[in-house]
């Protein structure tokens, strides 16, 4: 049995990454990412710069979309729609967690919320 060498990187969502780094992280080609930018599904931090930079927040949703693309043989336009939905789901989950945090502790525990 051989041990695989795994490359990892600490993800700080406040940082920006280049198109090439994003491509390496998510498993999609730079051309595919450019197409997602054309569909406005992927938004650079400063779109007017020649060297586009992206928020590191894109890594996780793009990895998920890339995996789903491979699993279900999706075209890039469908991935653009999927990416929008994944981001919306994440935002809604964040809002639910924020609202749950406002509940009194006894009500949270009775609802099974931690």
PDB file of N, CA and C in Angstrom:
ATOM      1  N   UNK A   1       0.848  -1.169   0.000  1.00  0.00           N
ATOM      2  CA  UNK A   1       0.000   0.000   0.000  1.00  0.00           C
ATOM      3  C   UNK A   1       0.902   1.244   0.000  1.00  0.00           C
ATOM      4  N   UNK A   2       0.612   2.167  -0.906  1.00  0.00           N
ATOM      5  CA  UNK A   2       1.393   3.397  -0.965  1.00  0.00           C
ATOM      6  C   UNK A   2       0.583   4.542  -0.383  1.00  0.00           C
ATOM      7  N   UNK A   3       1.305   5.482   0.151  1.00  0.00           N
ATOM      8  CA  UNK A   3       0.645   6.645   0.745  1.00  0.00           C
ATOM      9  C   UNK A   3       0.667   7.781  -0.268  1.00  0.00           C
ATOM     10  N   UNK A   4      -0.509   8.328  -0.566  1.00  0.00           N
ATOM     11  CA  UNK A   4      -0.599   9.438  -1.507  1.00  0.00           C
ATOM     12  C   UNK A   4      -0.119  10.722  -0.853  1.00  0.00           C
ATOM     13  N   UNK A   5       0.580  11.492  -1.633  1.00  0.00           N
ATOM     14  CA  UNK A   5       0.991  12.802  -1.155  1.00  0.00           C
ATOM     15  C   UNK A   5      -0.118  13.785  -1.500  1.00  0.00           C
ATOM     16  N   UNK A   6      -0.581  14.477  -0.500  1.00  0.00           N
ATOM     17  CA  UNK A   6      -1.700  15.387  -0.687  1.00  0.00           C
ATOM     18  C   UNK A   6      -1.206  16.818  -0.531  1.00  0.00           C
ATOM     19  N   UNK A   7      -1.552  17.639  -1.519  1.00  0.00           N
ATOM     20  CA  UNK A   7      -1.219  19.054  -1.425  1.00  0.00           C
ATOM     21  C   UNK A   7      -2.406  19.773  -0.825  1.00  0.00           C
ATOM     22  N   UNK A   8      -2.157  20.619   0.146  1.00  0.00           N
ATOM     23  CA  UNK A   8      -3.252  21.349   0.757  1.00  0.00           C
ATOM     24  C   UNK A   8      -2.821  22.787   0.986  1.00  0.00           C
ATOM     25  N   UNK A   9      -3.811  23.582   1.204  1.00  0.00           N
ATOM     26  CA  UNK A   9      -3.576  25.005   1.414  1.00  0.00           C
ATOM     27  C   UNK A   9      -4.620  25.509   2.388  1.00  0.00           C
ATOM     28  N   UNK A  10      -4.196  26.312   3.331  1.00  0.00           N
ATOM     29  CA  UNK A  10      -5.121  26.889   4.292  1.00  0.00           C
ATOM     30  C   UNK A  10      -5.994  27.898   3.558  1.00  0.00           C
ATOM     31  N   UNK A  11      -7.296  27.769   3.690  1.00  0.00           N
ATOM     32  CA  UNK A  11      -8.222  28.628   2.958  1.00  0.00           C
ATOM     33  C   UNK A  11      -8.658  29.791   3.840  1.00  0.00           C
ATOM     34  N   UNK A  12      -8.200  30.967   3.486  1.00  0.00           N
ATOM     35  CA  UNK A  12      -8.615  32.195   4.154  1.00  0.00           C
ATOM     36  C   UNK A  12      -9.489  32.938   3.158  1.00  0.00           C
ATOM     37  N   UNK A  13     -10.775  32.978   3.435  1.00  0.00           N
ATOM     38  CA  UNK A  13     -11.718  33.541   2.474  1.00  0.00           C
ATOM     39  C   UNK A  13     -11.581  35.051   2.293  1.00  0.00           C
ATOM     40  N   UNK A  14     -10.759  35.685   3.121  1.00  0.00           N
ATOM     41  CA  UNK A  14     -10.537  37.123   2.944  1.00  0.00           C
ATOM     42  C   UNK A  14      -9.480  37.391   1.884  1.00  0.00           C
ATOM     43  N   UNK A  15      -8.765  36.371   1.458  1.00  0.00           N
ATOM     44  CA  UNK A  15      -7.710  36.527   0.463  1.00  0.00           C
ATOM     45  C   UNK A  15      -8.263  36.459  -0.948  1.00  0.00           C
ATOM     46  N   UNK A  16      -7.435  36.862  -1.884  1.00  0.00           N
ATOM     47  CA  UNK A  16      -7.788  36.720  -3.290  1.00  0.00           C
ATOM     48  C   UNK A  16      -6.818  35.733  -3.929  1.00  0.00           C
ATOM     49  N   UNK A  17      -7.281  35.095  -4.998  1.00  0.00           N
ATOM     50  CA  UNK A  17      -6.442  34.152  -5.728  1.00  0.00           C
ATOM     51  C   UNK A  17      -6.571  34.435  -7.219  1.00  0.00           C
ATOM     52  N   UNK A  18      -5.554  34.044  -7.962  1.00  0.00           N
ATOM     53  CA  UNK A  18      -5.547  34.284  -9.403  1.00  0.00           C
ATOM     54  C   UNK A  18      -6.405  33.227 -10.113  1.00  0.00           C
ATOM     55  N   UNK A  19      -6.629  33.468 -11.379  1.00  0.00           N
ATOM     56  CA  UNK A  19      -7.391  32.520 -12.184  1.00  0.00           C
ATOM     57  C   UNK A  19      -6.686  31.168 -12.236  1.00  0.00           C
ATOM     58  N   UNK A  20      -5.362  31.185 -12.385  1.00  0.00           N
ATOM     59  CA  UNK A  20      -4.598  29.928 -12.441  1.00  0.00           C
ATOM     60  C   UNK A  20      -4.695  29.167 -11.113  1.00  0.00           C
ATOM     61  N   UNK A  21      -4.592  29.884  -9.999  1.00  0.00           N
ATOM     62  CA  UNK A  21      -4.709  29.238  -8.685  1.00  0.00           C
ATOM     63  C   UNK A  21      -6.108  28.675  -8.484  1.00  0.00           C
ATOM     64  N   UNK A  22      -7.115  29.424  -8.902  1.00  0.00           N
ATOM     65  CA  UNK A  22      -8.494  28.961  -8.778  1.00  0.00           C
ATOM     66  C   UNK A  22      -8.715  27.715  -9.629  1.00  0.00           C
ATOM     67  N   UNK A  23      -8.136  27.707 -10.808  1.00  0.00           N
ATOM     68  CA  UNK A  23      -8.231  26.549 -11.686  1.00  0.00           C
ATOM     69  C   UNK A  23      -7.612  25.316 -11.031  1.00  0.00           C
ATOM     70  N   UNK A  24      -6.437  25.487 -10.423  1.00  0.00           N
ATOM     71  CA  UNK A  24      -5.769  24.382  -9.724  1.00  0.00           C
ATOM     72  C   UNK A  24      -6.585  23.881  -8.543  1.00  0.00           C
ATOM     73  N   UNK A  25      -7.180  24.801  -7.811  1.00  0.00           N
ATOM     74  CA  UNK A  25      -7.930  24.438  -6.599  1.00  0.00           C
ATOM     75  C   UNK A  25      -9.234  23.711  -6.889  1.00  0.00           C
ATOM     76  N   UNK A  26      -9.920  24.111  -7.964  1.00  0.00           N
ATOM     77  CA  UNK A  26     -11.265  23.579  -8.169  1.00  0.00           C
ATOM     78  C   UNK A  26     -11.354  22.488  -9.220  1.00  0.00           C
ATOM     79  N   UNK A  27     -10.312  22.284  -9.992  1.00  0.00           N
ATOM     80  CA  UNK A  27     -10.339  21.218 -10.978  1.00  0.00           C
ATOM     81  C   UNK A  27     -11.023  21.570 -12.280  1.00  0.00           C
ATOM     82  N   UNK A  28     -11.154  22.846 -12.558  1.00  0.00           N
ATOM     83  CA  UNK A  28     -11.716  23.293 -13.834  1.00  0.00           C
ATOM     84  C   UNK A  28     -10.625  24.052 -14.586  1.00  0.00           C
ATOM     85  N   UNK A  29     -10.697  24.026 -15.903  1.00  0.00           N
ATOM     86  CA  UNK A  29      -9.681  24.722 -16.691  1.00  0.00           C
ATOM     87  C   UNK A  29      -9.903  26.235 -16.624  1.00  0.00           C
ATOM     88  N   UNK A  30      -8.865  26.968 -16.983  1.00  0.00           N
ATOM     89  CA  UNK A  30      -8.977  28.426 -17.004  1.00  0.00           C
ATOM     90  C   UNK A  30     -10.006  28.866 -18.043  1.00  0.00           C
ATOM     91  N   UNK A  31     -10.085  28.142 -19.152  1.00  0.00           N
ATOM     92  CA  UNK A  31     -11.074  28.474 -20.194  1.00  0.00           C
ATOM     93  C   UNK A  31     -12.495  28.284 -19.661  1.00  0.00           C
ATOM     94  N   UNK A  32     -12.713  27.224 -18.893  1.00  0.00           N
ATOM     95  CA  UNK A  32     -14.041  26.997 -18.306  1.00  0.00           C
ATOM     96  C   UNK A  32     -14.381  28.097 -17.299  1.00  0.00           C
ATOM     97  N   UNK A  33     -13.402  28.490 -16.501  1.00  0.00           N
ATOM     98  CA  UNK A  33     -13.630  29.564 -15.542  1.00  0.00           C
ATOM     99  C   UNK A  33     -13.898  30.889 -16.258  1.00  0.00           C
ATOM    100  N   UNK A  34     -13.183  31.131 -17.364  1.00  0.00           N
ATOM    101  CA  UNK A  34     -13.444  32.336 -18.169  1.00  0.00           C
ATOM    102  C   UNK A  34     -14.875  32.335 -18.693  1.00  0.00           C
ATOM    103  N   UNK A  35     -15.346  31.172 -19.087  1.00  0.00           N
ATOM    104  CA  UNK A  35     -16.720  31.070 -19.587  1.00  0.00           C
ATOM    105  C   UNK A  35     -17.719  31.349 -18.464  1.00  0.00           C
ATOM    106  N   UNK A  36     -17.409  30.881 -17.254  1.00  0.00           N
ATOM    107  CA  UNK A  36     -18.280  31.181 -16.109  1.00  0.00           C
ATOM    108  C   UNK A  36     -18.293  32.679 -15.821  1.00  0.00           C
ATOM    109  N   UNK A  37     -17.157  33.342 -16.018  1.00  0.00           N
ATOM    110  CA  UNK A  37     -17.105  34.800 -15.862  1.00  0.00           C
ATOM    111  C   UNK A  37     -17.974  35.454 -16.935  1.00  0.00           C
ATOM    112  N   UNK A  38     -17.909  34.945 -18.163  1.00  0.00           N
ATOM    113  CA  UNK A  38     -18.732  35.484 -19.251  1.00  0.00           C
ATOM    114  C   UNK A  38     -20.220  35.352 -18.944  1.00  0.00           C
ATOM    115  N   UNK A  39     -20.610  34.260 -18.258  1.00  0.00           N
ATOM    116  CA  UNK A  39     -22.008  34.047 -17.871  1.00  0.00           C
ATOM    117  C   UNK A  39     -22.377  34.805 -16.593  1.00  0.00           C
ATOM    118  N   UNK A  40     -21.423  35.535 -16.027  1.00  0.00           N
ATOM    119  CA  UNK A  40     -21.604  36.289 -14.774  1.00  0.00           C
ATOM    120  C   UNK A  40     -21.913  35.374 -13.589  1.00  0.00           C
ATOM    121  N   UNK A  41     -21.512  34.121 -13.676  1.00  0.00           N
ATOM    122  CA  UNK A  41     -21.678  33.187 -12.564  1.00  0.00           C
ATOM    123  C   UNK A  41     -20.468  33.229 -11.637  1.00  0.00           C
ATOM    124  N   UNK A  42     -19.356  33.692 -12.148  1.00  0.00           N
ATOM    125  CA  UNK A  42     -18.115  33.843 -11.394  1.00  0.00           C
ATOM    126  C   UNK A  42     -17.673  35.288 -11.565  1.00  0.00           C
ATOM    127  N   UNK A  43     -17.503  35.971 -10.451  1.00  0.00           N
ATOM    128  CA  UNK A  43     -17.231  37.408 -10.514  1.00  0.00           C
ATOM    129  C   UNK A  43     -15.854  37.709  -9.941  1.00  0.00           C
ATOM    130  N   UNK A  44     -14.969  38.311 -10.752  1.00  0.00           N
ATOM    131  CA  UNK A  44     -13.657  38.714 -10.234  1.00  0.00           C
ATOM    132  C   UNK A  44     -13.795  39.857  -9.227  1.00  0.00           C
ATOM    133  N   UNK A  45     -12.797  39.976  -8.363  1.00  0.00           N
ATOM    134  CA  UNK A  45     -12.798  41.056  -7.369  1.00  0.00           C
ATOM    135  C   UNK A  45     -12.683  42.401  -8.072  1.00  0.00           C
ATOM    136  N   UNK A  46     -11.772  42.510  -9.012  1.00  0.00           N
ATOM    137  CA  UNK A  46     -11.591  43.740  -9.783  1.00  0.00           C
ATOM    138  C   UNK A  46     -11.607  43.367 -11.263  1.00  0.00           C
ATOM    139  N   UNK A  47     -12.776  43.363 -11.894  1.00  0.00           N
ATOM    140  CA  UNK A  47     -12.883  42.879 -13.270  1.00  0.00           C
ATOM    141  C   UNK A  47     -12.085  43.669 -14.298  1.00  0.00           C
ATOM    142  N   UNK A  48     -11.721  44.894 -14.004  1.00  0.00           N
ATOM    143  CA  UNK A  48     -11.013  45.707 -14.992  1.00  0.00           C
ATOM    144  C   UNK A  48      -9.518  45.400 -15.063  1.00  0.00           C
ATOM    145  N   UNK A  49      -8.970  44.735 -14.044  1.00  0.00           N
ATOM    146  CA  UNK A  49      -7.540  44.410 -14.048  1.00  0.00           C
ATOM    147  C   UNK A  49      -7.228  43.362 -15.104  1.00  0.00           C
ATOM    148  N   UNK A  50      -6.006  43.440 -15.646  1.00  0.00           N
ATOM    149  CA  UNK A  50      -5.594  42.456 -16.636  1.00  0.00           C
ATOM    150  C   UNK A  50      -5.401  41.091 -15.972  1.00  0.00           C
ATOM    151  N   UNK A  51      -4.772  41.066 -14.817  1.00  0.00           N
ATOM    152  CA  UNK A  51      -4.599  39.833 -14.038  1.00  0.00           C
ATOM    153  C   UNK A  51      -5.783  39.743 -13.080  1.00  0.00           C
ATOM    154  N   UNK A  52      -6.802  39.002 -13.463  1.00  0.00           N
ATOM    155  CA  UNK A  52      -8.002  38.927 -12.643  1.00  0.00           C
ATOM    156  C   UNK A  52      -7.740  38.174 -11.346  1.00  0.00           C
ATOM    157  N   UNK A  53      -8.324  38.684 -10.282  1.00  0.00           N
ATOM    158  CA  UNK A  53      -8.233  38.036  -8.977  1.00  0.00           C
ATOM    159  C   UNK A  53      -9.647  37.730  -8.511  1.00  0.00           C
ATOM    160  N   UNK A  54      -9.762  36.638  -7.769  1.00  0.00           N
ATOM    161  CA  UNK A  54     -11.060  36.186  -7.288  1.00  0.00           C
ATOM    162  C   UNK A  54     -10.998  35.996  -5.780  1.00  0.00           C
ATOM    163  N   UNK A  55     -12.131  36.158  -5.149  1.00  0.00           N
ATOM    164  CA  UNK A  55     -12.213  35.888  -3.720  1.00  0.00           C
ATOM    165  C   UNK A  55     -12.013  34.400  -3.502  1.00  0.00           C
ATOM    166  N   UNK A  56     -11.324  34.051  -2.420  1.00  0.00           N
ATOM    167  CA  UNK A  56     -11.127  32.640  -2.081  1.00  0.00           C
ATOM    168  C   UNK A  56     -12.454  31.972  -1.704  1.00  0.00           C
ATOM    169  N   UNK A  57     -13.503  32.773  -1.503  1.00  0.00           N
ATOM    170  CA  UNK A  57     -14.839  32.209  -1.245  1.00  0.00           C
ATOM    171  C   UNK A  57     -15.327  31.332  -2.390  1.00  0.00           C
ATOM    172  N   UNK A  58     -14.782  31.502  -3.575  1.00  0.00           N
ATOM    173  CA  UNK A  58     -15.230  30.745  -4.738  1.00  0.00           C
ATOM    174  C   UNK A  58     -14.719  29.309  -4.753  1.00  0.00           C
ATOM    175  N   UNK A  59     -13.688  29.003  -3.984  1.00  0.00           N
ATOM    176  CA  UNK A  59     -13.058  27.684  -4.074  1.00  0.00           C
ATOM    177  C   UNK A  59     -14.044  26.557  -3.766  1.00  0.00           C
ATOM    178  N   UNK A  60     -14.721  26.624  -2.645  1.00  0.00           N
ATOM    179  CA  UNK A  60     -15.606  25.525  -2.233  1.00  0.00           C
ATOM    180  C   UNK A  60     -16.781  25.338  -3.195  1.00  0.00           C
ATOM    181  N   UNK A  61     -17.529  26.403  -3.546  1.00  0.00           N
ATOM    182  CA  UNK A  61     -18.627  26.184  -4.494  1.00  0.00           C
ATOM    183  C   UNK A  61     -18.152  25.696  -5.862  1.00  0.00           C
ATOM    184  N   UNK A  62     -16.998  26.179  -6.322  1.00  0.00           N
ATOM    185  CA  UNK A  62     -16.496  25.727  -7.614  1.00  0.00           C
ATOM    186  C   UNK A  62     -16.052  24.269  -7.562  1.00  0.00           C
ATOM    187  N   UNK A  63     -15.476  23.859  -6.452  1.00  0.00           N
ATOM    188  CA  UNK A  63     -15.108  22.440  -6.310  1.00  0.00           C
ATOM    189  C   UNK A  63     -16.350  21.562  -6.340  1.00  0.00           C
ATOM    190  N   UNK A  64     -17.391  21.995  -5.632  1.00  0.00           N
ATOM    191  CA  UNK A  64     -18.649  21.249  -5.615  1.00  0.00           C
ATOM    192  C   UNK A  64     -19.253  21.186  -7.015  1.00  0.00           C
ATOM    193  N   UNK A  65     -19.285  22.333  -7.692  1.00  0.00           N
ATOM    194  CA  UNK A  65     -19.847  22.383  -9.046  1.00  0.00           C
ATOM    195  C   UNK A  65     -19.019  21.540 -10.007  1.00  0.00           C
ATOM    196  N   UNK A  66     -17.707  21.559  -9.847  1.00  0.00           N
ATOM    197  CA  UNK A  66     -16.825  20.766 -10.704  1.00  0.00           C
ATOM    198  C   UNK A  66     -17.069  19.273 -10.520  1.00  0.00           C
ATOM    199  N   UNK A  67     -17.247  18.860  -9.275  1.00  0.00           N
ATOM    200  CA  UNK A  67     -17.525  17.444  -8.997  1.00  0.00           C
ATOM    201  C   UNK A  67     -18.878  17.044  -9.574  1.00  0.00           C
ATOM    202  N   UNK A  68     -19.878  17.897  -9.389  1.00  0.00           N
ATOM    203  CA  UNK A  68     -21.208  17.597  -9.927  1.00  0.00           C
ATOM    204  C   UNK A  68     -21.179  17.586 -11.456  1.00  0.00           C
ATOM    205  N   UNK A  69     -20.359  18.436 -12.042  1.00  0.00           N
ATOM    206  CA  UNK A  69     -20.232  18.467 -13.499  1.00  0.00           C
ATOM    207  C   UNK A  69     -19.702  17.134 -14.004  1.00  0.00           C
ATOM    208  N   UNK A  70     -18.678  16.632 -13.327  1.00  0.00           N
ATOM    209  CA  UNK A  70     -18.100  15.350 -13.729  1.00  0.00           C
ATOM    210  C   UNK A  70     -19.075  14.198 -13.478  1.00  0.00           C
ATOM    211  N   UNK A  71     -19.738  14.221 -12.333  1.00  0.00           N
ATOM    212  CA  UNK A  71     -20.666  13.135 -11.976  1.00  0.00           C
ATOM    213  C   UNK A  71     -21.870  13.053 -12.906  1.00  0.00           C
ATOM    214  N   UNK A  72     -22.388  14.207 -13.320  1.00  0.00           N
ATOM    215  CA  UNK A  72     -23.621  14.239 -14.105  1.00  0.00           C
ATOM    216  C   UNK A  72     -23.415  14.695 -15.549  1.00  0.00           C
ATOM    217  N   UNK A  73     -22.153  14.846 -15.963  1.00  0.00           N
ATOM    218  CA  UNK A  73     -21.814  15.226 -17.333  1.00  0.00           C
ATOM    219  C   UNK A  73     -22.546  16.501 -17.761  1.00  0.00           C
ATOM    220  N   UNK A  74     -22.375  17.557 -16.954  1.00  0.00           N
ATOM    221  CA  UNK A  74     -23.051  18.832 -17.199  1.00  0.00           C
ATOM    222  C   UNK A  74     -22.225  19.713 -18.122  1.00  0.00           C
ATOM    223  N   UNK A  75     -22.890  20.522 -18.925  1.00  0.00           N
ATOM    224  CA  UNK A  75     -22.177  21.516 -19.723  1.00  0.00           C
ATOM    225  C   UNK A  75     -21.899  22.744 -18.848  1.00  0.00           C
ATOM    226  N   UNK A  76     -21.069  23.638 -19.350  1.00  0.00           N
ATOM    227  CA  UNK A  76     -20.606  24.763 -18.529  1.00  0.00           C
ATOM    228  C   UNK A  76     -21.738  25.754 -18.245  1.00  0.00           C
ATOM    229  N   UNK A  77     -22.712  25.882 -19.152  1.00  0.00           N
ATOM    230  CA  UNK A  77     -23.846  26.765 -18.897  1.00  0.00           C
ATOM    231  C   UNK A  77     -24.663  26.244 -17.708  1.00  0.00           C
ATOM    232  N   UNK A  78     -24.874  24.938 -17.664  1.00  0.00           N
ATOM    233  CA  UNK A  78     -25.591  24.334 -16.540  1.00  0.00           C
ATOM    234  C   UNK A  78     -24.806  24.505 -15.243  1.00  0.00           C
ATOM    235  N   UNK A  79     -23.487  24.426 -15.330  1.00  0.00           N
ATOM    236  CA  UNK A  79     -22.644  24.653 -14.155  1.00  0.00           C
ATOM    237  C   UNK A  79     -22.812  26.086 -13.662  1.00  0.00           C
ATOM    238  N   UNK A  80     -22.955  27.028 -14.573  1.00  0.00           N
ATOM    239  CA  UNK A  80     -23.173  28.433 -14.192  1.00  0.00           C
ATOM    240  C   UNK A  80     -24.467  28.573 -13.402  1.00  0.00           C
ATOM    241  N   UNK A  81     -25.518  27.913 -13.855  1.00  0.00           N
ATOM    242  CA  UNK A  81     -26.798  27.949 -13.135  1.00  0.00           C
ATOM    243  C   UNK A  81     -26.651  27.265 -11.780  1.00  0.00           C
ATOM    244  N   UNK A  82     -25.981  26.118 -11.784  1.00  0.00           N
ATOM    245  CA  UNK A  82     -25.755  25.364 -10.549  1.00  0.00           C
ATOM    246  C   UNK A  82     -24.967  26.191  -9.538  1.00  0.00           C
ATOM    247  N   UNK A  83     -23.956  26.886 -10.012  1.00  0.00           N
ATOM    248  CA  UNK A  83     -23.129  27.712  -9.133  1.00  0.00           C
ATOM    249  C   UNK A  83     -23.951  28.809  -8.469  1.00  0.00           C
ATOM    250  N   UNK A  84     -24.842  29.419  -9.217  1.00  0.00           N
ATOM    251  CA  UNK A  84     -25.726  30.431  -8.639  1.00  0.00           C
ATOM    252  C   UNK A  84     -26.613  29.847  -7.558  1.00  0.00           C
ATOM    253  N   UNK A  85     -27.127  28.652  -7.802  1.00  0.00           N
ATOM    254  CA  UNK A  85     -27.978  28.000  -6.805  1.00  0.00           C
ATOM    255  C   UNK A  85     -27.189  27.573  -5.575  1.00  0.00           C
ATOM    256  N   UNK A  86     -25.981  27.081  -5.761  1.00  0.00           N
ATOM    257  CA  UNK A  86     -25.148  26.700  -4.615  1.00  0.00           C
ATOM    258  C   UNK A  86     -24.852  27.910  -3.730  1.00  0.00           C
ATOM    259  N   UNK A  87     -24.556  29.043  -4.359  1.00  0.00           N
ATOM    260  CA  UNK A  87     -24.292  30.269  -3.590  1.00  0.00           C
ATOM    261  C   UNK A  87     -25.533  30.736  -2.850  1.00  0.00           C
ATOM    262  N   UNK A  88     -26.681  30.606  -3.487  1.00  0.00           N
ATOM    263  CA  UNK A  88     -27.945  31.002  -2.837  1.00  0.00           C
ATOM    264  C   UNK A  88     -28.252  30.101  -1.646  1.00  0.00           C
ATOM    265  N   UNK A  89     -28.033  28.810  -1.792  1.00  0.00           N
ATOM    266  CA  UNK A  89     -28.253  27.870  -0.689  1.00  0.00           C
ATOM    267  C   UNK A  89     -27.332  28.203   0.480  1.00  0.00           C
ATOM    268  N   UNK A  90     -26.077  28.503   0.191  1.00  0.00           N
ATOM    269  CA  UNK A  90     -25.125  28.852   1.253  1.00  0.00           C
ATOM    270  C   UNK A  90     -25.571  30.107   1.997  1.00  0.00           C
ATOM    271  N   UNK A  91     -26.042  31.106   1.261  1.00  0.00           N
ATOM    272  CA  UNK A  91     -26.523  32.347   1.871  1.00  0.00           C
ATOM    273  C   UNK A  91     -27.745  32.081   2.751  1.00  0.00           C
ATOM    274  N   UNK A  92     -28.667  31.272   2.270  1.00  0.00           N
ATOM    275  CA  UNK A  92     -29.859  30.952   3.060  1.00  0.00           C
ATOM    276  C   UNK A  92     -29.503  30.167   4.324  1.00  0.00           C
ATOM    277  N   UNK A  93     -28.563  29.242   4.221  1.00  0.00           N
ATOM    278  CA  UNK A  93     -28.127  28.494   5.405  1.00  0.00           C
ATOM    279  C   UNK A  93     -27.469  29.423   6.426  1.00  0.00           C
ATOM    280  N   UNK A  94     -26.713  30.388   5.941  1.00  0.00           N
ATOM    281  CA  UNK A  94     -26.080  31.370   6.831  1.00  0.00           C
ATOM    282  C   UNK A  94     -27.147  32.196   7.555  1.00  0.00           C
ATOM    283  N   UNK A  95     -28.184  32.584   6.837  1.00  0.00           N
ATOM    284  CA  UNK A  95     -29.265  33.355   7.444  1.00  0.00           C
ATOM    285  C   UNK A  95     -30.018  32.532   8.491  1.00  0.00           C
ATOM    286  N   UNK A  96     -30.250  31.268   8.199  1.00  0.00           N
ATOM    287  CA  UNK A  96     -30.943  30.396   9.159  1.00  0.00           C
ATOM    288  C   UNK A  96     -30.107  30.258  10.434  1.00  0.00           C
ATOM    289  N   UNK A  97     -28.798  30.047  10.286  1.00  0.00           N
ATOM    290  CA  UNK A  97     -27.929  29.939  11.474  1.00  0.00           C
ATOM    291  C   UNK A  97     -27.947  31.232  12.292  1.00  0.00           C
ATOM    292  N   UNK A  98     -27.955  32.373  11.611  1.00  0.00           N
ATOM    293  CA  UNK A  98     -28.008  33.658  12.315  1.00  0.00           C
ATOM    294  C   UNK A  98     -29.313  33.814  13.080  1.00  0.00           C
ATOM    295  N   UNK A  99     -30.408  33.438  12.458  1.00  0.00           N
ATOM    296  CA  UNK A  99     -31.706  33.538  13.133  1.00  0.00           C
ATOM    297  C   UNK A  99     -31.823  32.543  14.288  1.00  0.00           C
ATOM    298  N   UNK A 100     -31.273  31.355  14.111  1.00  0.00           N
ATOM    299  CA  UNK A 100     -31.291  30.369  15.190  1.00  0.00           C
ATOM    300  C   UNK A 100     -30.482  30.855  16.388  1.00  0.00           C
ATOM    301  N   UNK A 101     -29.423  31.587  16.131  1.00  0.00           N
ATOM    302  CA  UNK A 101     -28.599  32.104  17.223  1.00  0.00           C
ATOM    303  C   UNK A 101     -29.353  33.126  18.065  1.00  0.00           C
ATOM    304  N   UNK A 102     -30.381  33.739  17.505  1.00  0.00           N
ATOM    305  CA  UNK A 102     -31.174  34.725  18.239  1.00  0.00           C
ATOM    306  C   UNK A 102     -32.224  34.089  19.144  1.00  0.00           C
ATOM    307  N   UNK A 103     -32.490  32.803  18.929  1.00  0.00           N
ATOM    308  CA  UNK A 103     -33.491  32.116  19.758  1.00  0.00           C
ATOM    309  C   UNK A 103     -32.978  31.931  21.182  1.00  0.00           C
ATOM    310  N   UNK A 104     -33.877  31.969  22.167  1.00  0.00           N
ATOM    311  CA  UNK A 104     -33.470  31.697  23.541  1.00  0.00           C
ATOM    312  C   UNK A 104     -32.934  30.265  23.653  1.00  0.00           C
ATOM    313  N   UNK A 105     -31.946  30.037  24.537  1.00  0.00           N
ATOM    314  CA  UNK A 105     -31.321  28.709  24.654  1.00  0.00           C
ATOM    315  C   UNK A 105     -32.312  27.573  24.913  1.00  0.00           C
ATOM    316  N   UNK A 106     -33.348  27.814  25.754  1.00  0.00           N
ATOM    317  CA  UNK A 106     -34.306  26.747  26.047  1.00  0.00           C
ATOM    318  C   UNK A 106     -35.125  26.374  24.811  1.00  0.00           C
ATOM    319  N   UNK A 107     -35.453  27.351  23.978  1.00  0.00           N
ATOM    320  CA  UNK A 107     -36.197  27.083  22.759  1.00  0.00           C
ATOM    321  C   UNK A 107     -35.313  26.351  21.736  1.00  0.00           C
ATOM    322  N   UNK A 108     -34.033  26.760  21.667  1.00  0.00           N
ATOM    323  CA  UNK A 108     -33.110  26.074  20.751  1.00  0.00           C
ATOM    324  C   UNK A 108     -32.960  24.608  21.102  1.00  0.00           C
ATOM    325  N   UNK A 109     -32.800  24.320  22.401  1.00  0.00           N
ATOM    326  CA  UNK A 109     -32.601  22.929  22.814  1.00  0.00           C
ATOM    327  C   UNK A 109     -33.872  22.101  22.598  1.00  0.00           C
ATOM    328  N   UNK A 110     -35.044  22.702  22.799  1.00  0.00           N
ATOM    329  CA  UNK A 110     -36.296  21.960  22.578  1.00  0.00           C
ATOM    330  C   UNK A 110     -36.518  21.664  21.094  1.00  0.00           C
ATOM    331  N   UNK A 111     -35.914  22.487  20.214  1.00  0.00           N
ATOM    332  CA  UNK A 111     -36.031  22.277  18.767  1.00  0.00           C
ATOM    333  C   UNK A 111     -34.898  21.388  18.246  1.00  0.00           C
ATOM    334  N   UNK A 112     -33.972  21.005  19.111  1.00  0.00           N
ATOM    335  CA  UNK A 112     -32.850  20.185  18.686  1.00  0.00           C
ATOM    336  C   UNK A 112     -31.763  20.961  17.983  1.00  0.00           C
ATOM    337  N   UNK A 113     -31.703  22.263  18.210  1.00  0.00           N
ATOM    338  CA  UNK A 113     -30.697  23.132  17.602  1.00  0.00           C
ATOM    339  C   UNK A 113     -29.567  23.323  18.602  1.00  0.00           C
ATOM    340  N   UNK A 114     -28.356  23.247  18.115  1.00  0.00           N
ATOM    341  CA  UNK A 114     -27.212  23.381  19.035  1.00  0.00           C
ATOM    342  C   UNK A 114     -26.635  24.757  19.026  1.00  0.00           C
TER     343      UNK A 114
END
